[in-house]
């Protein structure tokens, strides 16, 4: 089955977000285990959330989008919609991180909603 470039871009964006969430969740988990967290319960919750979110996004990217399964689009779009305001919040303090977050989320949203992606996932 041929996948359009837009679907491959969408899968790559969601996978990238998943890897970043896994890395951040792992970072928080390691720091917590090393005793560097001031609020252990909060840090553990953040670590579990990051690891779970990352694993979920990777599942959506590979199991849903890359395999052209219809169900992959909705969680992919939802992740981008949530990431845009997160990027906006980060933009206020750290523009060097906020701008790329917003750009990546918009690129993912455009790729997920592109007509060629719709065609590949839903047919005629």
Protein backbone atom coordinates (compact mmCIF):
# COMPACT_ATOMS: atom_id res chain seq x y z
CA UNK A 1 0.00 0.00 0.00
CA UNK A 2 1.33 3.43 -0.94
CA UNK A 3 1.15 6.00 1.79
CA UNK A 4 1.01 9.67 0.85
CA UNK A 5 3.79 11.94 2.05
CA UNK A 6 1.33 13.78 4.28
CA UNK A 7 0.55 10.57 6.17
CA UNK A 8 4.25 9.79 6.58
CA UNK A 9 4.87 13.34 7.84
CA UNK A 10 1.98 13.01 10.29
CA UNK A 11 3.34 9.68 11.58
CA UNK A 12 6.84 11.16 11.91
CA UNK A 13 5.58 14.21 13.82
CA UNK A 14 3.52 12.11 16.23
CA UNK A 15 6.44 9.69 16.69
CA UNK A 16 8.81 12.59 17.39
CA UNK A 17 6.41 13.92 20.01
CA UNK A 18 6.20 10.44 21.51
CA UNK A 19 9.98 10.10 21.73
CA UNK A 20 10.26 13.53 23.36
CA UNK A 21 7.53 12.70 25.90
CA UNK A 22 9.23 9.38 26.71
CA UNK A 23 12.59 11.09 27.13
CA UNK A 24 11.17 13.79 29.40
CA UNK A 25 9.23 11.24 31.45
CA UNK A 26 12.36 9.12 31.80
CA UNK A 27 14.41 12.17 32.77
CA UNK A 28 11.96 13.09 35.52
CA UNK A 29 11.82 9.46 36.71
CA UNK A 30 15.61 9.19 36.94
CA UNK A 31 15.92 12.53 38.73
CA UNK A 32 13.23 11.45 41.17
CA UNK A 33 14.97 8.15 41.86
CA UNK A 34 18.24 10.01 42.41
CA UNK A 35 16.53 12.12 45.07
CA UNK A 36 16.63 15.40 43.17
CA UNK A 37 12.86 15.99 43.22
CA UNK A 38 11.48 18.30 45.89
CA UNK A 39 7.93 16.96 45.50
CA UNK A 40 8.32 13.21 44.99
CA UNK A 41 4.63 12.43 44.46
CA UNK A 42 4.27 15.16 41.85
CA UNK A 43 7.48 14.14 40.11
CA UNK A 44 6.42 10.50 39.98
CA UNK A 45 3.03 11.49 38.55
CA UNK A 46 4.77 13.61 35.89
CA UNK A 47 7.13 10.75 35.06
CA UNK A 48 4.30 8.24 34.70
CA UNK A 49 2.29 10.71 32.61
CA UNK A 50 5.26 11.42 30.31
CA UNK A 51 6.11 7.75 29.87
CA UNK A 52 2.48 6.82 29.24
CA UNK A 53 1.90 9.69 26.85
CA UNK A 54 5.09 8.91 24.95
CA UNK A 55 4.21 5.23 24.62
CA UNK A 56 0.70 6.14 23.51
CA UNK A 57 1.91 8.58 20.87
CA UNK A 58 4.36 6.03 19.50
CA UNK A 59 1.53 3.51 19.31
CA UNK A 60 -0.63 6.03 17.44
CA UNK A 61 2.24 6.86 15.06
CA UNK A 62 3.17 3.27 14.26
CA UNK A 63 0.07 1.22 14.90
CA UNK A 64 -2.37 3.80 13.61
CA UNK A 65 -0.92 6.30 11.18
CA UNK A 66 1.94 4.36 9.61
CA UNK A 67 -0.36 1.39 9.09
CA UNK A 68 -3.04 3.74 7.70
CA UNK A 69 -5.62 2.79 10.31
CA UNK A 70 -8.55 5.21 10.62
CA UNK A 71 -8.43 5.29 14.41
CA UNK A 72 -4.94 6.85 14.39
CA UNK A 73 -6.09 10.20 13.10
CA UNK A 74 -8.28 11.30 16.05
CA UNK A 75 -5.66 10.90 18.80
CA UNK A 76 -3.04 12.41 16.50
CA UNK A 77 -5.17 15.50 15.88
CA UNK A 78 -6.03 15.75 19.56
CA UNK A 79 -2.34 15.65 20.51
CA UNK A 80 -1.60 18.52 18.11
CA UNK A 81 -4.51 20.57 19.41
CA UNK A 82 -3.22 20.15 22.98
CA UNK A 83 0.37 20.89 21.99
CA UNK A 84 -0.39 24.28 20.40
CA UNK A 85 -1.44 25.98 23.68
CA UNK A 86 1.41 24.23 25.51
CA UNK A 87 3.79 25.75 22.97
CA UNK A 88 2.13 29.12 23.48
CA UNK A 89 2.64 28.90 27.23
CA UNK A 90 6.28 27.86 26.82
CA UNK A 91 6.73 30.66 24.27
CA UNK A 92 6.27 33.26 27.01
CA UNK A 93 9.27 32.01 29.01
CA UNK A 94 11.41 30.23 26.41
CA UNK A 95 10.75 31.29 22.82
CA UNK A 96 13.52 29.01 21.54
CA UNK A 97 11.47 26.02 22.71
CA UNK A 98 7.95 27.42 22.29
CA UNK A 99 8.27 28.37 18.63
CA UNK A 100 9.44 24.90 17.49
CA UNK A 101 6.68 23.28 19.56
CA UNK A 102 4.04 25.37 17.83
CA UNK A 103 5.58 24.84 14.38
CA UNK A 104 5.76 21.06 14.87
CA UNK A 105 2.19 20.91 16.17
CA UNK A 106 0.90 22.97 13.23
CA UNK A 107 2.85 20.82 10.75
CA UNK A 108 1.38 17.70 12.33
CA UNK A 109 -2.12 19.14 12.24
CA UNK A 110 -1.80 20.15 8.58
CA UNK A 111 -0.42 16.72 7.67
CA UNK A 112 -3.16 14.90 9.60
CA UNK A 113 -5.94 16.98 8.01
CA UNK A 114 -4.49 17.02 4.48
CA UNK A 115 -6.80 15.69 1.76
CA UNK A 116 -4.27 13.02 0.81
CA UNK A 117 -4.20 11.76 4.40
CA UNK A 118 -7.99 11.69 4.47
CA UNK A 119 -7.99 9.74 1.20
CA UNK A 120 -5.48 7.22 2.50
CA UNK A 121 -7.33 6.67 5.78
CA UNK A 122 -10.94 6.81 4.64
CA UNK A 123 -10.90 6.13 0.90
CA UNK A 124 -13.31 7.75 -1.51
